[in-house]
Amino acid sequence: MSSRQYWLMKSEPYAYSIDDLESDGQIHWSGVRNYEARNIMRDKMKVGDRAFFYHSNVKPPAIVGEMEVCTEPYADPLQFDPDSKYFDEKSSESNPRWQLIDVKFIRKFDNPVTRDALKEGESLLEMQLFKRNRLSITEVTEEEYQKILKMAGEGE
């Protein structure tokens, strides 16, 4: 069994889409202001982990591609910028409240996997996505990850 971990990371495509990531190549996954999601980035995500890019708050919501964690966690610079909507006056550079990681584009799926398609197979109903729907980052098991890759036409 590999030491690589797997994740699902949500973004609203009008804010930042898989096409944006493909164009940019690599980005800071910034602006997360949920402590549980921050803790996942800070304490659990490692360089080399893979993540699904999930377009949320659209019809239909779907897993649209894959990316890879490519940095260790570090302070989200937006928390220090008073002009940013992610500014946090209680955070300081000596004691930052918000962490992030960088991700790099791996691939965009020709066949996105919709939320409804995920629900069709009983084997995926236990995904954290369905239990922790409001969380922007959720863990995905290796078995779930491989099944979803096959659904997207990307598996072995």
C-alpha atoms as a PDB file:
ATOM      1  CA  MET A   1       0.000   0.000   0.000  1.00  0.00           C
ATOM      2  CA  SER A   2       1.358   3.413  -0.921  1.00  0.00           C
ATOM      3  CA  SER A   3       1.979   6.224   1.545  1.00  0.00           C
ATOM      4  CA  ARG A   4       0.314   8.654  -0.845  1.00  0.00           C
ATOM      5  CA  GLN A   5      -2.945  10.077   0.438  1.00  0.00           C
ATOM      6  CA  TYR A   6      -5.936  11.189  -1.608  1.00  0.00           C
ATOM      7  CA  TRP A   7      -8.214  14.202  -1.283  1.00  0.00           C
ATOM      8  CA  LEU A   8     -11.139  16.007  -2.831  1.00  0.00           C
ATOM      9  CA  MET A   9     -10.812  19.797  -2.979  1.00  0.00           C
ATOM     10  CA  LYS A  10     -13.748  22.015  -3.892  1.00  0.00           C
ATOM     11  CA  SER A  11     -13.796  25.266  -5.781  1.00  0.00           C
ATOM     12  CA  GLU A  12     -16.628  27.177  -7.368  1.00  0.00           C
ATOM     13  CA  PRO A  13     -15.676  27.361 -11.041  1.00  0.00           C
ATOM     14  CA  TYR A  14     -16.603  31.044 -11.336  1.00  0.00           C
ATOM     15  CA  ALA A  15     -14.032  31.731  -8.565  1.00  0.00           C
ATOM     16  CA  TYR A  16     -11.339  29.307  -9.796  1.00  0.00           C
ATOM     17  CA  SER A  17     -11.829  26.429 -12.240  1.00  0.00           C
ATOM     18  CA  ILE A  18      -9.921  23.428 -13.519  1.00  0.00           C
ATOM     19  CA  ASP A  19      -9.328  25.432 -16.713  1.00  0.00           C
ATOM     20  CA  ASP A  20      -7.699  28.162 -14.611  1.00  0.00           C
ATOM     21  CA  LEU A  21      -5.447  25.589 -12.942  1.00  0.00           C
ATOM     22  CA  GLU A  22      -4.540  24.058 -16.298  1.00  0.00           C
ATOM     23  CA  SER A  23      -3.581  27.516 -17.560  1.00  0.00           C
ATOM     24  CA  ASP A  24      -1.686  28.485 -14.391  1.00  0.00           C
ATOM     25  CA  GLY A  25      -0.004  25.103 -13.934  1.00  0.00           C
ATOM     26  CA  GLN A  26       0.477  25.570 -10.195  1.00  0.00           C
ATOM     27  CA  ILE A  27      -1.265  27.732  -7.607  1.00  0.00           C
ATOM     28  CA  HIS A  28      -1.548  28.477  -3.911  1.00  0.00           C
ATOM     29  CA  TRP A  29      -4.778  26.875  -2.593  1.00  0.00           C
ATOM     30  CA  SER A  30      -5.536  30.084  -0.700  1.00  0.00           C
ATOM     31  CA  GLY A  31      -8.515  31.605   1.011  1.00  0.00           C
ATOM     32  CA  VAL A  32      -9.510  28.572   3.087  1.00  0.00           C
ATOM     33  CA  ARG A  33     -11.131  29.946   6.230  1.00  0.00           C
ATOM     34  CA  ASN A  34     -12.445  26.803   7.852  1.00  0.00           C
ATOM     35  CA  TYR A  35     -10.341  25.449  10.713  1.00  0.00           C
ATOM     36  CA  GLU A  36     -10.922  21.793   9.853  1.00  0.00           C
ATOM     37  CA  ALA A  37      -9.906  22.291   6.210  1.00  0.00           C
ATOM     38  CA  ARG A  38      -6.900  24.352   7.348  1.00  0.00           C
ATOM     39  CA  ASN A  39      -5.869  21.547   9.714  1.00  0.00           C
ATOM     40  CA  ILE A  40      -6.042  19.032   6.866  1.00  0.00           C
ATOM     41  CA  MET A  41      -3.701  21.173   4.753  1.00  0.00           C
ATOM     42  CA  ARG A  42      -1.427  21.925   7.700  1.00  0.00           C
ATOM     43  CA  ASP A  43      -1.286  18.512   9.381  1.00  0.00           C
ATOM     44  CA  LYS A  44      -2.242  15.810   6.907  1.00  0.00           C
ATOM     45  CA  MET A  45      -1.480  16.778   3.309  1.00  0.00           C
ATOM     46  CA  LYS A  46       1.980  15.872   2.050  1.00  0.00           C
ATOM     47  CA  VAL A  47       3.948  16.626  -1.105  1.00  0.00           C
ATOM     48  CA  GLY A  48       2.999  14.026  -3.711  1.00  0.00           C
ATOM     49  CA  ASP A  49      -0.551  13.492  -2.442  1.00  0.00           C
ATOM     50  CA  ARG A  50      -3.178  13.521  -5.174  1.00  0.00           C
ATOM     51  CA  ALA A  51      -6.456  15.429  -5.105  1.00  0.00           C
ATOM     52  CA  PHE A  52      -9.558  15.579  -7.201  1.00  0.00           C
ATOM     53  CA  PHE A  53     -10.628  19.041  -8.344  1.00  0.00           C
ATOM     54  CA  TYR A  54     -14.357  19.322  -7.618  1.00  0.00           C
ATOM     55  CA  HIS A  55     -16.489  22.065  -9.136  1.00  0.00           C
ATOM     56  CA  SER A  56     -19.026  22.961  -6.444  1.00  0.00           C
ATOM     57  CA  ASN A  57     -22.041  25.248  -6.385  1.00  0.00           C
ATOM     58  CA  VAL A  58     -22.829  24.543 -10.069  1.00  0.00           C
ATOM     59  CA  LYS A  59     -25.265  22.278 -11.853  1.00  0.00           C
ATOM     60  CA  PRO A  60     -24.180  19.565 -11.919  1.00  0.00           C
ATOM     61  CA  PRO A  61     -21.423  19.564  -9.307  1.00  0.00           C
ATOM     62  CA  ALA A  62     -18.647  17.266 -10.511  1.00  0.00           C
ATOM     63  CA  ILE A  63     -15.107  16.004 -10.165  1.00  0.00           C
ATOM     64  CA  VAL A  64     -13.465  17.580 -13.191  1.00  0.00           C
ATOM     65  CA  GLY A  65      -9.779  16.781 -12.874  1.00  0.00           C
ATOM     66  CA  GLU A  66      -6.790  15.829 -10.832  1.00  0.00           C
ATOM     67  CA  MET A  67      -4.000  17.767  -9.151  1.00  0.00           C
ATOM     68  CA  GLU A  68      -1.036  17.081  -6.904  1.00  0.00           C
ATOM     69  CA  VAL A  69       0.135  18.661  -3.651  1.00  0.00           C
ATOM     70  CA  CYS A  70       3.538  20.154  -4.467  1.00  0.00           C
ATOM     71  CA  THR A  71       4.595  22.116  -1.345  1.00  0.00           C
ATOM     72  CA  GLU A  72       4.670  21.729   2.388  1.00  0.00           C
ATOM     73  CA  PRO A  73       2.120  23.940   4.190  1.00  0.00           C
ATOM     74  CA  TYR A  74       2.952  27.586   4.763  1.00  0.00           C
ATOM     75  CA  ALA A  75       1.196  30.771   5.892  1.00  0.00           C
ATOM     76  CA  ASP A  76      -1.535  32.053   3.562  1.00  0.00           C
ATOM     77  CA  PRO A  77      -0.260  35.532   2.606  1.00  0.00           C
ATOM     78  CA  LEU A  78      -3.812  36.839   2.061  1.00  0.00           C
ATOM     79  CA  GLN A  79      -4.440  36.817   5.821  1.00  0.00           C
ATOM     80  CA  PHE A  80      -1.937  39.678   6.170  1.00  0.00           C
ATOM     81  CA  ASP A  81      -3.310  41.808   3.320  1.00  0.00           C
ATOM     82  CA  PRO A  82      -5.828  44.386   4.606  1.00  0.00           C
ATOM     83  CA  ASP A  83      -7.189  44.788   1.066  1.00  0.00           C
ATOM     84  CA  SER A  84      -7.998  41.072   0.751  1.00  0.00           C
ATOM     85  CA  LYS A  85     -11.380  39.608   1.618  1.00  0.00           C
ATOM     86  CA  TYR A  86      -9.337  36.911   3.403  1.00  0.00           C
ATOM     87  CA  PHE A  87      -7.589  39.406   5.693  1.00  0.00           C
ATOM     88  CA  ASP A  88      -7.556  38.302   9.344  1.00  0.00           C
ATOM     89  CA  GLU A  89      -6.731  41.057  11.809  1.00  0.00           C
ATOM     90  CA  LYS A  90      -6.162  38.457  14.550  1.00  0.00           C
ATOM     91  CA  SER A  91      -3.420  36.739  12.573  1.00  0.00           C
ATOM     92  CA  SER A  92       0.217  37.802  12.613  1.00  0.00           C
ATOM     93  CA  GLU A  93       3.290  36.796  10.646  1.00  0.00           C
ATOM     94  CA  SER A  94       4.849  35.451  13.860  1.00  0.00           C
ATOM     95  CA  ASN A  95       1.714  33.441  14.624  1.00  0.00           C
ATOM     96  CA  PRO A  96      -0.231  32.885  11.383  1.00  0.00           C
ATOM     97  CA  ARG A  97      -3.736  31.523  11.767  1.00  0.00           C
ATOM     98  CA  TRP A  98      -4.211  30.272   8.180  1.00  0.00           C
ATOM     99  CA  GLN A  99      -2.085  27.803   6.238  1.00  0.00           C
ATOM    100  CA  LEU A 100      -2.151  26.667   2.625  1.00  0.00           C
ATOM    101  CA  ILE A 101      -0.404  24.332   0.223  1.00  0.00           C
ATOM    102  CA  ASP A 102       0.362  24.658  -3.460  1.00  0.00           C
ATOM    103  CA  VAL A 103      -1.149  22.295  -5.999  1.00  0.00           C
ATOM    104  CA  LYS A 104      -0.144  21.581  -9.572  1.00  0.00           C
ATOM    105  CA  PHE A 105      -2.298  20.536 -12.488  1.00  0.00           C
ATOM    106  CA  ILE A 106      -2.188  16.864 -13.445  1.00  0.00           C
ATOM    107  CA  ARG A 107      -5.125  16.455 -15.835  1.00  0.00           C
ATOM    108  CA  LYS A 108      -8.594  17.576 -16.747  1.00  0.00           C
ATOM    109  CA  PHE A 109     -11.118  14.787 -17.208  1.00  0.00           C
ATOM    110  CA  ASP A 110     -12.776  14.386 -20.599  1.00  0.00           C
ATOM    111  CA  ASN A 111     -15.623  12.722 -18.678  1.00  0.00           C
ATOM    112  CA  PRO A 112     -16.290  14.644 -15.446  1.00  0.00           C
ATOM    113  CA  VAL A 113     -17.810  12.525 -12.679  1.00  0.00           C
ATOM    114  CA  THR A 114     -20.966  14.183 -11.385  1.00  0.00           C
ATOM    115  CA  ARG A 115     -22.134  14.066  -7.810  1.00  0.00           C
ATOM    116  CA  ASP A 116     -25.175  12.065  -8.972  1.00  0.00           C
ATOM    117  CA  ALA A 117     -22.916   9.524 -10.712  1.00  0.00           C
ATOM    118  CA  LEU A 118     -20.931   9.125  -7.484  1.00  0.00           C
ATOM    119  CA  LYS A 119     -24.171   8.411  -5.619  1.00  0.00           C
ATOM    120  CA  GLU A 120     -25.240   5.742  -8.127  1.00  0.00           C
ATOM    121  CA  GLY A 121     -22.607   3.268  -7.017  1.00  0.00           C
ATOM    122  CA  GLU A 122     -23.201   1.986  -3.502  1.00  0.00           C
ATOM    123  CA  SER A 123     -19.451   1.628  -3.010  1.00  0.00           C
ATOM    124  CA  LEU A 124     -18.992   5.418  -3.046  1.00  0.00           C
ATOM    125  CA  LEU A 125     -21.882   6.381  -0.759  1.00  0.00           C
ATOM    126  CA  GLU A 126     -19.533   6.307   2.239  1.00  0.00           C
ATOM    127  CA  MET A 127     -17.327   9.056   0.803  1.00  0.00           C
ATOM    128  CA  GLN A 128     -16.677  11.956   3.159  1.00  0.00           C
ATOM    129  CA  LEU A 129     -18.070  14.210   0.418  1.00  0.00           C
ATOM    130  CA  PHE A 130     -21.533  12.921   1.331  1.00  0.00           C
ATOM    131  CA  LYS A 131     -20.980  13.012   5.082  1.00  0.00           C
ATOM    132  CA  ARG A 132     -19.149  16.340   5.315  1.00  0.00           C
ATOM    133  CA  ASN A 133     -20.733  18.155   2.396  1.00  0.00           C
ATOM    134  CA  ARG A 134     -19.901  21.682   3.613  1.00  0.00           C
ATOM    135  CA  LEU A 135     -16.188  20.988   4.067  1.00  0.00           C
ATOM    136  CA  SER A 136     -14.023  22.262   1.184  1.00  0.00           C
ATOM    137  CA  ILE A 137     -11.384  19.524   1.560  1.00  0.00           C
ATOM    138  CA  THR A 138     -12.230  15.919   2.324  1.00  0.00           C
ATOM    139  CA  GLU A 139     -10.237  12.714   2.467  1.00  0.00           C
ATOM    140  CA  VAL A 140     -10.747  10.086  -0.235  1.00  0.00           C
ATOM    141  CA  THR A 141      -9.661   6.474   0.248  1.00  0.00           C
ATOM    142  CA  GLU A 142      -7.320   4.929  -2.300  1.00  0.00           C
ATOM    143  CA  GLU A 143     -10.086   2.511  -3.330  1.00  0.00           C
ATOM    144  CA  GLU A 144     -12.538   5.400  -3.866  1.00  0.00           C
ATOM    145  CA  TYR A 145      -9.894   7.326  -5.783  1.00  0.00           C
ATOM    146  CA  GLN A 146      -9.221   4.442  -8.173  1.00  0.00           C
ATOM    147  CA  LYS A 147     -12.953   3.848  -8.751  1.00  0.00           C
ATOM    148  CA  ILE A 148     -13.501   7.522  -9.576  1.00  0.00           C
ATOM    149  CA  LEU A 149     -10.537   7.548 -11.972  1.00  0.00           C
ATOM    150  CA  LYS A 150     -12.141   4.614 -13.805  1.00  0.00           C
ATOM    151  CA  MET A 151     -15.497   6.411 -13.883  1.00  0.00           C
ATOM    152  CA  ALA A 152     -13.716   9.374 -15.493  1.00  0.00           C
ATOM    153  CA  GLY A 153     -12.133   7.039 -18.044  1.00  0.00           C
ATOM    154  CA  GLU A 154      -8.695   7.651 -16.554  1.00  0.00           C
ATOM    155  CA  GLY A 155      -8.091   4.416 -14.596  1.00  0.00           C
ATOM    156  CA  GLU A 156      -5.992   1.456 -15.556  1.00  0.00           C
END
